PDB file of N, CA and C in Angstrom:
ATOM      1  N   MET A   1       0.855  -1.161   0.000  1.00  0.00           N
ATOM      2  CA  MET A   1       0.000   0.000   0.000  1.00  0.00           C
ATOM      3  C   MET A   1       0.905   1.229   0.000  1.00  0.00           C
ATOM      4  N   GLN A   2       0.424   2.307  -0.604  1.00  0.00           N
ATOM      5  CA  GLN A   2       1.209   3.525  -0.659  1.00  0.00           C
ATOM      6  C   GLN A   2       0.450   4.688  -0.038  1.00  0.00           C
ATOM      7  N   GLY A   3       1.198   5.700   0.333  1.00  0.00           N
ATOM      8  CA  GLY A   3       0.620   6.910   0.886  1.00  0.00           C
ATOM      9  C   GLY A   3       1.598   8.056   0.747  1.00  0.00           C
ATOM     10  N   THR A   4       1.224   9.203   1.309  1.00  0.00           N
ATOM     11  CA  THR A   4       2.038  10.405   1.248  1.00  0.00           C
ATOM     12  C   THR A   4       2.269  10.908   2.667  1.00  0.00           C
ATOM     13  N   VAL A   5       3.507  11.284   2.966  1.00  0.00           N
ATOM     14  CA  VAL A   5       3.840  11.757   4.308  1.00  0.00           C
ATOM     15  C   VAL A   5       3.087  13.054   4.596  1.00  0.00           C
ATOM     16  N   LYS A   6       2.292  13.035   5.664  1.00  0.00           N
ATOM     17  CA  LYS A   6       1.558  14.225   6.101  1.00  0.00           C
ATOM     18  C   LYS A   6       2.424  15.032   7.052  1.00  0.00           C
ATOM     19  N   ASP A   7       3.044  14.352   8.011  1.00  0.00           N
ATOM     20  CA  ASP A   7       3.972  15.010   8.928  1.00  0.00           C
ATOM     21  C   ASP A   7       4.942  13.984   9.496  1.00  0.00           C
ATOM     22  N   TYR A   8       6.082  14.493   9.947  1.00  0.00           N
ATOM     23  CA  TYR A   8       7.122  13.628  10.504  1.00  0.00           C
ATOM     24  C   TYR A   8       7.910  14.422  11.533  1.00  0.00           C
ATOM     25  N   ASP A   9       8.130  13.834  12.695  1.00  0.00           N
ATOM     26  CA  ASP A   9       8.919  14.445  13.767  1.00  0.00           C
ATOM     27  C   ASP A   9      10.214  13.655  13.913  1.00  0.00           C
ATOM     28  N   ALA A  10      11.323  14.259  13.523  1.00  0.00           N
ATOM     29  CA  ALA A  10      12.621  13.581  13.553  1.00  0.00           C
ATOM     30  C   ALA A  10      13.046  13.221  14.978  1.00  0.00           C
ATOM     31  N   ALA A  11      12.630  13.993  15.962  1.00  0.00           N
ATOM     32  CA  ALA A  11      13.015  13.729  17.353  1.00  0.00           C
ATOM     33  C   ALA A  11      12.391  12.434  17.872  1.00  0.00           C
ATOM     34  N   THR A  12      11.145  12.176  17.490  1.00  0.00           N
ATOM     35  CA  THR A  12      10.461  10.969  17.965  1.00  0.00           C
ATOM     36  C   THR A  12      10.416   9.869  16.914  1.00  0.00           C
ATOM     37  N   ARG A  13      10.826  10.206  15.681  1.00  0.00           N
ATOM     38  CA  ARG A  13      10.787   9.261  14.545  1.00  0.00           C
ATOM     39  C   ARG A  13       9.374   8.710  14.340  1.00  0.00           C
ATOM     40  N   SER A  14       8.389   9.591  14.445  1.00  0.00           N
ATOM     41  CA  SER A  14       6.995   9.203  14.240  1.00  0.00           C
ATOM     42  C   SER A  14       6.298  10.298  13.443  1.00  0.00           C
ATOM     43  N   GLY A  15       5.107   9.986  12.963  1.00  0.00           N
ATOM     44  CA  GLY A  15       4.362  10.966  12.184  1.00  0.00           C
ATOM     45  C   GLY A  15       3.076  10.373  11.675  1.00  0.00           C
ATOM     46  N   SER A  16       2.651  10.839  10.499  1.00  0.00           N
ATOM     47  CA  SER A  16       1.439  10.292   9.908  1.00  0.00           C
ATOM     48  C   SER A  16       1.535  10.327   8.386  1.00  0.00           C
ATOM     49  N   VAL A  17       0.735   9.465   7.774  1.00  0.00           N
ATOM     50  CA  VAL A  17       0.687   9.301   6.328  1.00  0.00           C
ATOM     51  C   VAL A  17      -0.756   9.485   5.888  1.00  0.00           C
ATOM     52  N   LEU A  18      -0.946  10.121   4.732  1.00  0.00           N
ATOM     53  CA  LEU A  18      -2.269  10.189   4.121  1.00  0.00           C
ATOM     54  C   LEU A  18      -2.383   9.055   3.121  1.00  0.00           C
ATOM     55  N   LEU A  19      -3.384   8.202   3.297  1.00  0.00           N
ATOM     56  CA  LEU A  19      -3.650   7.162   2.320  1.00  0.00           C
ATOM     57  C   LEU A  19      -4.210   7.820   1.058  1.00  0.00           C
ATOM     58  N   ASP A  20      -4.272   7.097  -0.015  1.00  0.00           N
ATOM     59  CA  ASP A  20      -4.746   7.659  -1.281  1.00  0.00           C
ATOM     60  C   ASP A  20      -6.194   8.151  -1.213  1.00  0.00           C
ATOM     61  N   ASP A  21      -6.967   7.627  -0.272  1.00  0.00           N
ATOM     62  CA  ASP A  21      -8.353   8.098  -0.121  1.00  0.00           C
ATOM     63  C   ASP A  21      -8.457   9.303   0.813  1.00  0.00           C
ATOM     64  N   GLY A  22      -7.299   9.813   1.293  1.00  0.00           N
ATOM     65  CA  GLY A  22      -7.275  10.982   2.157  1.00  0.00           C
ATOM     66  C   GLY A  22      -7.316  10.682   3.642  1.00  0.00           C
ATOM     67  N   THR A  23      -7.385   9.412   4.010  1.00  0.00           N
ATOM     68  CA  THR A  23      -7.423   9.028   5.416  1.00  0.00           C
ATOM     69  C   THR A  23      -6.048   9.182   6.052  1.00  0.00           C
ATOM     70  N   PRO A  24      -5.938   9.968   7.149  1.00  0.00           N
ATOM     71  CA  PRO A  24      -4.653  10.074   7.838  1.00  0.00           C
ATOM     72  C   PRO A  24      -4.446   8.867   8.761  1.00  0.00           C
ATOM     73  N   VAL A  25      -3.242   8.293   8.711  1.00  0.00           N
ATOM     74  CA  VAL A  25      -2.914   7.147   9.562  1.00  0.00           C
ATOM     75  C   VAL A  25      -1.574   7.440  10.245  1.00  0.00           C
ATOM     76  N   PRO A  26      -1.558   7.433  11.586  1.00  0.00           N
ATOM     77  CA  PRO A  26      -0.300   7.698  12.288  1.00  0.00           C
ATOM     78  C   PRO A  26       0.634   6.491  12.252  1.00  0.00           C
ATOM     79  N   PHE A  27       1.922   6.759  12.374  1.00  0.00           N
ATOM     80  CA  PHE A  27       2.898   5.685  12.536  1.00  0.00           C
ATOM     81  C   PHE A  27       3.841   6.047  13.680  1.00  0.00           C
ATOM     82  N   GLY A  28       4.305   5.021  14.365  1.00  0.00           N
ATOM     83  CA  GLY A  28       5.188   5.215  15.506  1.00  0.00           C
ATOM     84  C   GLY A  28       6.635   4.903  15.173  1.00  0.00           C
ATOM     85  N   THR A  29       7.459   5.008  16.180  1.00  0.00           N
ATOM     86  CA  THR A  29       8.888   4.765  16.056  1.00  0.00           C
ATOM     87  C   THR A  29       9.188   3.373  15.525  1.00  0.00           C
ATOM     88  N   GLU A  30       8.441   2.370  15.978  1.00  0.00           N
ATOM     89  CA  GLU A  30       8.690   0.992  15.564  1.00  0.00           C
ATOM     90  C   GLU A  30       8.504   0.824  14.061  1.00  0.00           C
ATOM     91  N   ALA A  31       7.464   1.433  13.512  1.00  0.00           N
ATOM     92  CA  ALA A  31       7.206   1.336  12.067  1.00  0.00           C
ATOM     93  C   ALA A  31       8.293   2.055  11.281  1.00  0.00           C
ATOM     94  N   PHE A  32       8.728   3.207  11.770  1.00  0.00           N
ATOM     95  CA  PHE A  32       9.789   3.942  11.087  1.00  0.00           C
ATOM     96  C   PHE A  32      11.088   3.150  11.112  1.00  0.00           C
ATOM     97  N   ASP A  33      11.449   2.616  12.262  1.00  0.00           N
ATOM     98  CA  ASP A  33      12.686   1.840  12.396  1.00  0.00           C
ATOM     99  C   ASP A  33      12.657   0.568  11.552  1.00  0.00           C
ATOM    100  N   ALA A  34      11.485  -0.034  11.383  1.00  0.00           N
ATOM    101  CA  ALA A  34      11.366  -1.271  10.599  1.00  0.00           C
ATOM    102  C   ALA A  34      11.707  -1.047   9.130  1.00  0.00           C
ATOM    103  N   GLY A  35      11.505   0.163   8.626  1.00  0.00           N
ATOM    104  CA  GLY A  35      11.771   0.459   7.227  1.00  0.00           C
ATOM    105  C   GLY A  35      13.212   0.803   6.920  1.00  0.00           C
ATOM    106  N   GLY A  36      14.032   1.027   7.948  1.00  0.00           N
ATOM    107  CA  GLY A  36      15.443   1.318   7.742  1.00  0.00           C
ATOM    108  C   GLY A  36      15.741   2.705   7.205  1.00  0.00           C
ATOM    109  N   LEU A  37      14.825   3.635   7.365  1.00  0.00           N
ATOM    110  CA  LEU A  37      15.034   4.998   6.868  1.00  0.00           C
ATOM    111  C   LEU A  37      15.766   5.850   7.898  1.00  0.00           C
ATOM    112  N   ARG A  38      16.311   6.973   7.428  1.00  0.00           N
ATOM    113  CA  ARG A  38      16.946   7.931   8.337  1.00  0.00           C
ATOM    114  C   ARG A  38      16.091   9.174   8.529  1.00  0.00           C
ATOM    115  N   MET A  39      15.260   9.500   7.543  1.00  0.00           N
ATOM    116  CA  MET A  39      14.382  10.665   7.656  1.00  0.00           C
ATOM    117  C   MET A  39      13.276  10.597   6.608  1.00  0.00           C
ATOM    118  N   LEU A  40      12.263  11.407   6.804  1.00  0.00           N
ATOM    119  CA  LEU A  40      11.176  11.584   5.837  1.00  0.00           C
ATOM    120  C   LEU A  40      10.901  13.070   5.720  1.00  0.00           C
ATOM    121  N   ARG A  41      10.249  13.468   4.623  1.00  0.00           N
ATOM    122  CA  ARG A  41       9.854  14.855   4.483  1.00  0.00           C
ATOM    123  C   ARG A  41       8.405  14.941   4.007  1.00  0.00           C
ATOM    124  N   PHE A  42       7.792  16.048   4.307  1.00  0.00           N
ATOM    125  CA  PHE A  42       6.402  16.306   3.944  1.00  0.00           C
ATOM    126  C   PHE A  42       6.204  16.094   2.442  1.00  0.00           C
ATOM    127  N   GLY A  43       5.150  15.366   2.073  1.00  0.00           N
ATOM    128  CA  GLY A  43       4.798  15.150   0.680  1.00  0.00           C
ATOM    129  C   GLY A  43       5.505  13.989   0.021  1.00  0.00           C
ATOM    130  N   GLN A  44       6.416  13.344   0.745  1.00  0.00           N
ATOM    131  CA  GLN A  44       7.157  12.227   0.162  1.00  0.00           C
ATOM    132  C   GLN A  44       6.238  11.013   0.003  1.00  0.00           C
ATOM    133  N   ARG A  45       6.379  10.330  -1.111  1.00  0.00           N
ATOM    134  CA  ARG A  45       5.585   9.126  -1.386  1.00  0.00           C
ATOM    135  C   ARG A  45       6.263   7.941  -0.715  1.00  0.00           C
ATOM    136  N   VAL A  46       5.491   7.130   0.003  1.00  0.00           N
ATOM    137  CA  VAL A  46       6.048   6.010   0.758  1.00  0.00           C
ATOM    138  C   VAL A  46       5.223   4.737   0.570  1.00  0.00           C
ATOM    139  N   ASN A  47       5.880   3.607   0.779  1.00  0.00           N
ATOM    140  CA  ASN A  47       5.216   2.313   0.877  1.00  0.00           C
ATOM    141  C   ASN A  47       4.985   2.045   2.351  1.00  0.00           C
ATOM    142  N   ILE A  48       3.826   1.500   2.665  1.00  0.00           N
ATOM    143  CA  ILE A  48       3.537   1.175   4.059  1.00  0.00           C
ATOM    144  C   ILE A  48       2.985  -0.238   4.167  1.00  0.00           C
ATOM    145  N   ALA A  49       3.322  -0.882   5.264  1.00  0.00           N
ATOM    146  CA  ALA A  49       2.680  -2.135   5.642  1.00  0.00           C
ATOM    147  C   ALA A  49       1.603  -1.729   6.649  1.00  0.00           C
ATOM    148  N   TYR A  50       0.348  -1.887   6.267  1.00  0.00           N
ATOM    149  CA  TYR A  50      -0.792  -1.433   7.064  1.00  0.00           C
ATOM    150  C   TYR A  50      -1.701  -2.620   7.325  1.00  0.00           C
ATOM    151  N   ASP A  51      -1.952  -2.901   8.601  1.00  0.00           N
ATOM    152  CA  ASP A  51      -2.764  -4.061   8.949  1.00  0.00           C
ATOM    153  C   ASP A  51      -4.243  -3.722   9.150  1.00  0.00           C
ATOM    154  N   GLY A  52      -4.642  -2.527   8.737  1.00  0.00           N
ATOM    155  CA  GLY A  52      -6.027  -2.098   8.907  1.00  0.00           C
ATOM    156  C   GLY A  52      -6.240  -1.277  10.156  1.00  0.00           C
ATOM    157  N   GLU A  53      -5.303  -1.362  11.090  1.00  0.00           N
ATOM    158  CA  GLU A  53      -5.387  -0.593  12.328  1.00  0.00           C
ATOM    159  C   GLU A  53      -4.186   0.311  12.524  1.00  0.00           C
ATOM    160  N   SER A  54      -3.011  -0.169  12.119  1.00  0.00           N
ATOM    161  CA  SER A  54      -1.795   0.620  12.312  1.00  0.00           C
ATOM    162  C   SER A  54      -0.764   0.298  11.233  1.00  0.00           C
ATOM    163  N   ILE A  55       0.175   1.209  11.075  1.00  0.00           N
ATOM    164  CA  ILE A  55       1.275   1.007  10.146  1.00  0.00           C
ATOM    165  C   ILE A  55       2.373   0.245  10.893  1.00  0.00           C
ATOM    166  N   THR A  56       2.822  -0.861  10.300  1.00  0.00           N
ATOM    167  CA  THR A  56       3.850  -1.670  10.957  1.00  0.00           C
ATOM    168  C   THR A  56       5.230  -1.448  10.354  1.00  0.00           C
ATOM    169  N   ALA A  57       5.287  -0.889   9.147  1.00  0.00           N
ATOM    170  CA  ALA A  57       6.570  -0.567   8.504  1.00  0.00           C
ATOM    171  C   ALA A  57       6.327   0.521   7.468  1.00  0.00           C
ATOM    172  N   ILE A  58       7.321   1.385   7.300  1.00  0.00           N
ATOM    173  CA  ILE A  58       7.233   2.469   6.319  1.00  0.00           C
ATOM    174  C   ILE A  58       8.588   2.619   5.639  1.00  0.00           C
ATOM    175  N   THR A  59       8.579   2.752   4.324  1.00  0.00           N
ATOM    176  CA  THR A  59       9.811   2.946   3.569  1.00  0.00           C
ATOM    177  C   THR A  59       9.505   3.758   2.313  1.00  0.00           C
ATOM    178  N   LEU A  60      10.524   4.162   1.600  1.00  0.00           N
ATOM    179  CA  LEU A  60      10.338   4.934   0.377  1.00  0.00           C
ATOM    180  C   LEU A  60       9.640   4.094  -0.674  1.00  0.00           C
ATOM    181  N   SER A  61       8.929   4.740  -1.574  1.00  0.00           N
ATOM    182  CA  SER A  61       8.165   4.011  -2.585  1.00  0.00           C
ATOM    183  C   SER A  61       9.071   3.263  -3.568  1.00  0.00           C
ATOM    184  N   THR A  62      10.352   3.614  -3.631  1.00  0.00           N
ATOM    185  CA  THR A  62      11.289   2.934  -4.517  1.00  0.00           C
ATOM    186  C   THR A  62      11.973   1.739  -3.866  1.00  0.00           C
ATOM    187  N   LEU A  63      11.702   1.533  -2.588  1.00  0.00           N
ATOM    188  CA  LEU A  63      12.317   0.426  -1.845  1.00  0.00           C
ATOM    189  C   LEU A  63      11.269  -0.604  -1.453  1.00  0.00           C
ATOM    190  N   PRO A  64      11.666  -1.873  -1.359  1.00  0.00           N
ATOM    191  CA  PRO A  64      10.703  -2.896  -0.930  1.00  0.00           C
ATOM    192  C   PRO A  64      10.465  -2.808   0.576  1.00  0.00           C
ATOM    193  N   LEU A  65       9.297  -3.244   1.003  1.00  0.00           N
ATOM    194  CA  LEU A  65       9.010  -3.328   2.437  1.00  0.00           C
ATOM    195  C   LEU A  65       9.787  -4.490   3.031  1.00  0.00           C
ATOM    196  N   PRO A  66      10.192  -4.357   4.287  1.00  0.00           N
ATOM    197  CA  PRO A  66      10.934  -5.453   4.932  1.00  0.00           C
ATOM    198  C   PRO A  66      10.062  -6.678   5.142  1.00  0.00           C
TER     199      PRO A  66
END
């Protein structure tokens, strides 16, 4: 599944993603760390592993999910 970064806090390594239907979904430190990224920026396109309740991993759209 893909989405767009709505916001990201580098201090906590958490933020939220807008799904393609406009639904905002928050992600925590664990999901950010699972993707192996160092940072994100507003508007960046990302791949997410979403279980219907929470994001479990997030990475760039050009990279595979772990």
